[in-house]
Amino acid sequence: MSEGSGPSGDRTLSAADACAALTPLAVVRPVGVVAAAPARPDVAAPAVGSFRWPLPGPPLVVRHFDPPPQPWLSGHRGVDLAATPGALVRAAGAGMVTFAGAVAGRPVVTVTHADGLRTTYEPVRPAVEVGAPVPAGGPIGHLLAGHPGCPVASCLHWGLRRGDVYLDPLALVGRGPVRLLPLDPAAS
């Protein structure tokens, strides 16, 4: 297996090595899209590999993506990552800051990426301004305490959207849902 170190010192495996490490009997491929509404064929999967964790990681996921069956119903349209208050939050991928302000009284930073994805981070005290370009891993702010439902000192709520469809942000780092496929594609 080839193992390397990313720009922040976190260890990374290639997608092929990660799949090989999981099981020698089946091919495991990440399913890149989990939508809040029924799956839409016009919404493509995010590109795994050009994104990274927004916190030193991989951080502990304390609440997973749990989309509602209909867009207007309640659900959890992102993931909550455990961290310490004041932790540096970084852009998961290269893009431009398109929002840095309050939503419903909570500070939020939104980064829009070239491939039409938007990642959101809250509660984050912004260290960037709207219109600023950010590289993957570039600092965007500091995590604040007080995210509702967080069972630890503080949690980063990390969201992902393409258009009006909410996606599982864990798919960006190769940790989204998986699907087992037969070794022989002709067998299916």
C-alpha atoms as a PDB file:
ATOM      1  CA  MET A   1       0.000   0.000   0.000  1.00  0.00           C
ATOM      2  CA  SER A   2       1.234   3.450  -0.776  1.00  0.00           C
ATOM      3  CA  GLU A   3       0.772   5.842   2.089  1.00  0.00           C
ATOM      4  CA  GLY A   4       1.673   9.489   2.054  1.00  0.00           C
ATOM      5  CA  SER A   5       1.338  12.625   4.060  1.00  0.00           C
ATOM      6  CA  GLY A   6      -0.915  15.499   3.074  1.00  0.00           C
ATOM      7  CA  PRO A   7      -0.024  19.193   3.435  1.00  0.00           C
ATOM      8  CA  SER A   8      -1.174  19.258   7.066  1.00  0.00           C
ATOM      9  CA  GLY A   9       0.684  16.073   7.945  1.00  0.00           C
ATOM     10  CA  ASP A  10      -2.414  13.881   7.865  1.00  0.00           C
ATOM     11  CA  ARG A  11      -1.918  10.424   6.413  1.00  0.00           C
ATOM     12  CA  THR A  12      -3.597   9.594   3.122  1.00  0.00           C
ATOM     13  CA  LEU A  13      -4.104   6.424   1.108  1.00  0.00           C
ATOM     14  CA  SER A  14      -4.871   6.219  -2.578  1.00  0.00           C
ATOM     15  CA  ALA A  15      -8.464   5.199  -3.355  1.00  0.00           C
ATOM     16  CA  ALA A  16      -7.224   1.916  -4.837  1.00  0.00           C
ATOM     17  CA  ASP A  17      -5.164   1.099  -1.740  1.00  0.00           C
ATOM     18  CA  ALA A  18      -8.046   1.976   0.572  1.00  0.00           C
ATOM     19  CA  CYS A  19     -10.347  -0.357  -1.376  1.00  0.00           C
ATOM     20  CA  ALA A  20      -7.759  -3.141  -1.343  1.00  0.00           C
ATOM     21  CA  ALA A  21      -7.309  -2.763   2.414  1.00  0.00           C
ATOM     22  CA  LEU A  22     -11.030  -3.101   3.072  1.00  0.00           C
ATOM     23  CA  THR A  23     -11.579  -6.543   1.590  1.00  0.00           C
ATOM     24  CA  PRO A  24      -9.873  -8.932  -0.799  1.00  0.00           C
ATOM     25  CA  LEU A  25     -13.220 -10.496  -1.784  1.00  0.00           C
ATOM     26  CA  ALA A  26     -15.171  -7.564  -3.145  1.00  0.00           C
ATOM     27  CA  VAL A  27     -14.588  -4.251  -4.825  1.00  0.00           C
ATOM     28  CA  VAL A  28     -15.717  -1.380  -2.631  1.00  0.00           C
ATOM     29  CA  ARG A  29     -16.463   1.936  -4.258  1.00  0.00           C
ATOM     30  CA  PRO A  30     -17.751   5.070  -2.532  1.00  0.00           C
ATOM     31  CA  VAL A  31     -21.151   6.250  -3.635  1.00  0.00           C
ATOM     32  CA  GLY A  32     -20.490   9.948  -3.904  1.00  0.00           C
ATOM     33  CA  VAL A  33     -24.005  11.341  -3.648  1.00  0.00           C
ATOM     34  CA  VAL A  34     -26.644  11.048  -1.001  1.00  0.00           C
ATOM     35  CA  ALA A  35     -29.388  13.571  -1.666  1.00  0.00           C
ATOM     36  CA  ALA A  36     -31.922  15.115   0.700  1.00  0.00           C
ATOM     37  CA  ALA A  37     -34.573  14.521  -1.916  1.00  0.00           C
ATOM     38  CA  PRO A  38     -34.867  11.350  -3.989  1.00  0.00           C
ATOM     39  CA  ALA A  39     -31.663  10.734  -5.975  1.00  0.00           C
ATOM     40  CA  ARG A  40     -31.391  12.889  -9.069  1.00  0.00           C
ATOM     41  CA  PRO A  41     -29.481  11.600 -12.119  1.00  0.00           C
ATOM     42  CA  ASP A  42     -28.544  15.184 -13.077  1.00  0.00           C
ATOM     43  CA  VAL A  43     -26.518  15.664  -9.866  1.00  0.00           C
ATOM     44  CA  ALA A  44     -23.054  14.171 -10.302  1.00  0.00           C
ATOM     45  CA  ALA A  45     -20.885  12.795  -7.518  1.00  0.00           C
ATOM     46  CA  PRO A  46     -18.201  15.069  -6.059  1.00  0.00           C
ATOM     47  CA  ALA A  47     -14.620  14.414  -7.088  1.00  0.00           C
ATOM     48  CA  VAL A  48     -12.884  12.553  -4.260  1.00  0.00           C
ATOM     49  CA  GLY A  49      -9.201  13.453  -4.002  1.00  0.00           C
ATOM     50  CA  SER A  50      -9.361  17.223  -4.505  1.00  0.00           C
ATOM     51  CA  PHE A  51     -10.936  17.721  -1.067  1.00  0.00           C
ATOM     52  CA  ARG A  52      -9.721  17.245   2.506  1.00  0.00           C
ATOM     53  CA  TRP A  53     -11.023  17.361   6.082  1.00  0.00           C
ATOM     54  CA  PRO A  54     -11.877  20.904   7.280  1.00  0.00           C
ATOM     55  CA  LEU A  55     -10.336  20.100  10.693  1.00  0.00           C
ATOM     56  CA  PRO A  56      -7.169  18.201  11.616  1.00  0.00           C
ATOM     57  CA  GLY A  57      -8.161  14.703  10.932  1.00  0.00           C
ATOM     58  CA  PRO A  58      -9.757  12.629  10.423  1.00  0.00           C
ATOM     59  CA  PRO A  59     -11.892  14.168  13.177  1.00  0.00           C
ATOM     60  CA  LEU A  60     -14.550  12.280  15.117  1.00  0.00           C
ATOM     61  CA  VAL A  61     -17.963  12.384  13.404  1.00  0.00           C
ATOM     62  CA  VAL A  62     -20.500  12.819  16.219  1.00  0.00           C
ATOM     63  CA  ARG A  63     -23.564  13.185  13.993  1.00  0.00           C
ATOM     64  CA  HIS A  64     -23.892  11.831  10.465  1.00  0.00           C
ATOM     65  CA  PHE A  65     -25.724  13.131   7.411  1.00  0.00           C
ATOM     66  CA  ASP A  66     -29.393  12.225   7.767  1.00  0.00           C
ATOM     67  CA  PRO A  67     -31.389  13.777   4.929  1.00  0.00           C
ATOM     68  CA  PRO A  68     -35.170  14.019   5.240  1.00  0.00           C
ATOM     69  CA  PRO A  69     -37.378  12.036   2.843  1.00  0.00           C
ATOM     70  CA  GLN A  70     -38.721  15.334   1.466  1.00  0.00           C
ATOM     71  CA  PRO A  71     -36.799  18.637   1.195  1.00  0.00           C
ATOM     72  CA  TRP A  72     -39.227  20.516   3.464  1.00  0.00           C
ATOM     73  CA  LEU A  73     -39.041  18.024   6.359  1.00  0.00           C
ATOM     74  CA  SER A  74     -36.575  18.098   9.242  1.00  0.00           C
ATOM     75  CA  GLY A  75     -33.303  16.181   9.025  1.00  0.00           C
ATOM     76  CA  HIS A  76     -29.567  16.693   9.375  1.00  0.00           C
ATOM     77  CA  ARG A  77     -28.206  18.158   6.152  1.00  0.00           C
ATOM     78  CA  GLY A  78     -24.509  17.842   6.997  1.00  0.00           C
ATOM     79  CA  VAL A  79     -22.183  16.191   9.488  1.00  0.00           C
ATOM     80  CA  ASP A  80     -21.020  17.349  12.909  1.00  0.00           C
ATOM     81  CA  LEU A  81     -17.304  16.964  13.603  1.00  0.00           C
ATOM     82  CA  ALA A  82     -15.977  17.090  17.188  1.00  0.00           C
ATOM     83  CA  ALA A  83     -13.253  19.644  17.885  1.00  0.00           C
ATOM     84  CA  THR A  84     -12.038  22.049  20.527  1.00  0.00           C
ATOM     85  CA  PRO A  85     -13.341  25.622  20.652  1.00  0.00           C
ATOM     86  CA  GLY A  86     -11.000  27.902  18.734  1.00  0.00           C
ATOM     87  CA  ALA A  87      -9.811  25.152  16.366  1.00  0.00           C
ATOM     88  CA  LEU A  88      -8.665  26.429  12.986  1.00  0.00           C
ATOM     89  CA  VAL A  89     -11.206  25.572  10.286  1.00  0.00           C
ATOM     90  CA  ARG A  90      -9.894  25.102   6.745  1.00  0.00           C
ATOM     91  CA  ALA A  91     -11.577  25.071   3.350  1.00  0.00           C
ATOM     92  CA  ALA A  92     -12.254  21.472   2.338  1.00  0.00           C
ATOM     93  CA  GLY A  93     -11.448  22.318  -1.274  1.00  0.00           C
ATOM     94  CA  ALA A  94     -10.204  25.204  -3.386  1.00  0.00           C
ATOM     95  CA  GLY A  95     -12.783  27.843  -4.160  1.00  0.00           C
ATOM     96  CA  MET A  96     -14.077  31.308  -3.377  1.00  0.00           C
ATOM     97  CA  VAL A  97     -15.703  32.552  -0.189  1.00  0.00           C
ATOM     98  CA  THR A  98     -19.271  33.444  -1.183  1.00  0.00           C
ATOM     99  CA  PHE A  99     -20.710  34.027   2.285  1.00  0.00           C
ATOM    100  CA  ALA A 100     -19.263  34.958   5.668  1.00  0.00           C
ATOM    101  CA  GLY A 101     -21.869  36.098   8.147  1.00  0.00           C
ATOM    102  CA  ALA A 102     -24.774  35.071  10.337  1.00  0.00           C
ATOM    103  CA  VAL A 103     -27.604  32.701   9.426  1.00  0.00           C
ATOM    104  CA  ALA A 104     -30.308  32.421  12.093  1.00  0.00           C
ATOM    105  CA  GLY A 105     -27.894  34.050  14.535  1.00  0.00           C
ATOM    106  CA  ARG A 106     -25.070  31.572  13.915  1.00  0.00           C
ATOM    107  CA  PRO A 107     -21.814  32.498  12.119  1.00  0.00           C
ATOM    108  CA  VAL A 108     -21.403  30.623   8.824  1.00  0.00           C
ATOM    109  CA  VAL A 109     -18.756  30.546   6.094  1.00  0.00           C
ATOM    110  CA  THR A 110     -19.629  29.241   2.617  1.00  0.00           C
ATOM    111  CA  VAL A 111     -17.044  28.327  -0.021  1.00  0.00           C
ATOM    112  CA  THR A 112     -18.140  27.809  -3.635  1.00  0.00           C
ATOM    113  CA  HIS A 113     -15.979  25.426  -5.640  1.00  0.00           C
ATOM    114  CA  ALA A 114     -15.314  25.401  -9.398  1.00  0.00           C
ATOM    115  CA  ASP A 115     -17.307  22.196  -9.923  1.00  0.00           C
ATOM    116  CA  GLY A 116     -20.570  23.726  -8.647  1.00  0.00           C
ATOM    117  CA  LEU A 117     -20.295  22.407  -5.095  1.00  0.00           C
ATOM    118  CA  ARG A 118     -20.753  24.625  -2.045  1.00  0.00           C
ATOM    119  CA  THR A 119     -19.377  23.710   1.359  1.00  0.00           C
ATOM    120  CA  THR A 120     -20.604  25.392   4.536  1.00  0.00           C
ATOM    121  CA  TYR A 121     -18.994  25.592   7.949  1.00  0.00           C
ATOM    122  CA  GLU A 122     -20.667  26.663  11.227  1.00  0.00           C
ATOM    123  CA  PRO A 123     -20.343  27.995  13.872  1.00  0.00           C
ATOM    124  CA  VAL A 124     -17.180  29.613  12.547  1.00  0.00           C
ATOM    125  CA  ARG A 125     -15.798  33.070  13.312  1.00  0.00           C
ATOM    126  CA  PRO A 126     -14.707  34.062   9.782  1.00  0.00           C
ATOM    127  CA  ALA A 127     -11.095  34.946   9.060  1.00  0.00           C
ATOM    128  CA  VAL A 128     -11.896  35.549   5.377  1.00  0.00           C
ATOM    129  CA  GLU A 129     -14.037  38.006   3.440  1.00  0.00           C
ATOM    130  CA  VAL A 130     -16.589  37.393   0.718  1.00  0.00           C
ATOM    131  CA  GLY A 131     -14.839  37.225  -2.660  1.00  0.00           C
ATOM    132  CA  ALA A 132     -11.567  35.887  -1.262  1.00  0.00           C
ATOM    133  CA  PRO A 133     -10.101  32.875  -3.090  1.00  0.00           C
ATOM    134  CA  VAL A 134      -9.045  30.023  -0.804  1.00  0.00           C
ATOM    135  CA  PRO A 135      -6.899  26.992  -1.611  1.00  0.00           C
ATOM    136  CA  ALA A 136      -7.816  23.516  -0.399  1.00  0.00           C
ATOM    137  CA  GLY A 137      -6.750  23.508   3.240  1.00  0.00           C
ATOM    138  CA  GLY A 138      -6.600  27.294   3.423  1.00  0.00           C
ATOM    139  CA  PRO A 139      -7.735  28.765   6.760  1.00  0.00           C
ATOM    140  CA  ILE A 140     -11.241  30.259   6.753  1.00  0.00           C
ATOM    141  CA  GLY A 141     -11.906  30.878  10.449  1.00  0.00           C
ATOM    142  CA  HIS A 142     -12.045  29.532  13.990  1.00  0.00           C
ATOM    143  CA  LEU A 143     -14.578  27.162  15.482  1.00  0.00           C
ATOM    144  CA  LEU A 144     -16.881  28.538  18.153  1.00  0.00           C
ATOM    145  CA  ALA A 145     -18.647  26.572  20.872  1.00  0.00           C
ATOM    146  CA  GLY A 146     -22.406  26.318  20.953  1.00  0.00           C
ATOM    147  CA  HIS A 147     -23.560  24.219  18.013  1.00  0.00           C
ATOM    148  CA  PRO A 148     -27.024  22.822  18.948  1.00  0.00           C
ATOM    149  CA  GLY A 149     -27.004  19.104  19.734  1.00  0.00           C
ATOM    150  CA  CYS A 150     -23.216  18.846  19.988  1.00  0.00           C
ATOM    151  CA  PRO A 151     -22.328  16.292  22.698  1.00  0.00           C
ATOM    152  CA  VAL A 152     -18.763  17.639  23.193  1.00  0.00           C
ATOM    153  CA  ALA A 153     -17.152  21.052  23.838  1.00  0.00           C
ATOM    154  CA  SER A 154     -17.743  22.151  20.241  1.00  0.00           C
ATOM    155  CA  CYS A 155     -18.696  20.731  16.866  1.00  0.00           C
ATOM    156  CA  LEU A 156     -18.185  21.926  13.343  1.00  0.00           C
ATOM    157  CA  HIS A 157     -21.335  21.473  11.269  1.00  0.00           C
ATOM    158  CA  TRP A 158     -19.969  20.773   7.768  1.00  0.00           C
ATOM    159  CA  GLY A 159     -22.454  20.897   4.924  1.00  0.00           C
ATOM    160  CA  LEU A 160     -22.347  20.254   1.186  1.00  0.00           C
ATOM    161  CA  ARG A 161     -24.718  21.253  -1.607  1.00  0.00           C
ATOM    162  CA  ARG A 162     -24.861  21.134  -5.373  1.00  0.00           C
ATOM    163  CA  GLY A 163     -27.613  23.466  -6.504  1.00  0.00           C
ATOM    164  CA  ASP A 164     -30.585  22.849  -4.233  1.00  0.00           C
ATOM    165  CA  VAL A 165     -29.561  19.283  -3.361  1.00  0.00           C
ATOM    166  CA  TYR A 166     -27.871  18.531  -0.038  1.00  0.00           C
ATOM    167  CA  LEU A 167     -25.109  15.931  -0.244  1.00  0.00           C
ATOM    168  CA  ASP A 168     -23.104  13.992   2.326  1.00  0.00           C
ATOM    169  CA  PRO A 169     -19.841  15.934   2.831  1.00  0.00           C
ATOM    170  CA  LEU A 170     -18.068  12.754   3.944  1.00  0.00           C
ATOM    171  CA  ALA A 171     -18.157  11.707   0.271  1.00  0.00           C
ATOM    172  CA  LEU A 172     -15.600  14.478  -0.372  1.00  0.00           C
ATOM    173  CA  VAL A 173     -13.021  12.649   1.717  1.00  0.00           C
ATOM    174  CA  GLY A 174     -13.929   9.134   0.577  1.00  0.00           C
ATOM    175  CA  ARG A 175     -15.942   8.342   3.710  1.00  0.00           C
ATOM    176  CA  GLY A 176     -19.457   8.448   2.289  1.00  0.00           C
ATOM    177  CA  PRO A 177     -21.739   5.442   1.881  1.00  0.00           C
ATOM    178  CA  VAL A 178     -20.171   2.388   0.262  1.00  0.00           C
ATOM    179  CA  ARG A 179     -21.640  -0.196  -2.035  1.00  0.00           C
ATOM    180  CA  LEU A 180     -20.213  -3.695  -2.529  1.00  0.00           C
ATOM    181  CA  LEU A 181     -19.882  -4.803  -6.127  1.00  0.00           C
ATOM    182  CA  PRO A 182     -19.182  -8.295  -7.480  1.00  0.00           C
ATOM    183  CA  LEU A 183     -15.617  -9.044  -8.558  1.00  0.00           C
ATOM    184  CA  ASP A 184     -16.931 -10.177 -11.924  1.00  0.00           C
ATOM    185  CA  PRO A 185     -18.995  -7.346 -13.465  1.00  0.00           C
ATOM    186  CA  ALA A 186     -20.572  -9.868 -15.860  1.00  0.00           C
ATOM    187  CA  ALA A 187     -22.063 -11.698 -12.849  1.00  0.00           C
ATOM    188  CA  SER A 188     -24.399  -8.809 -12.040  1.00  0.00           C
END
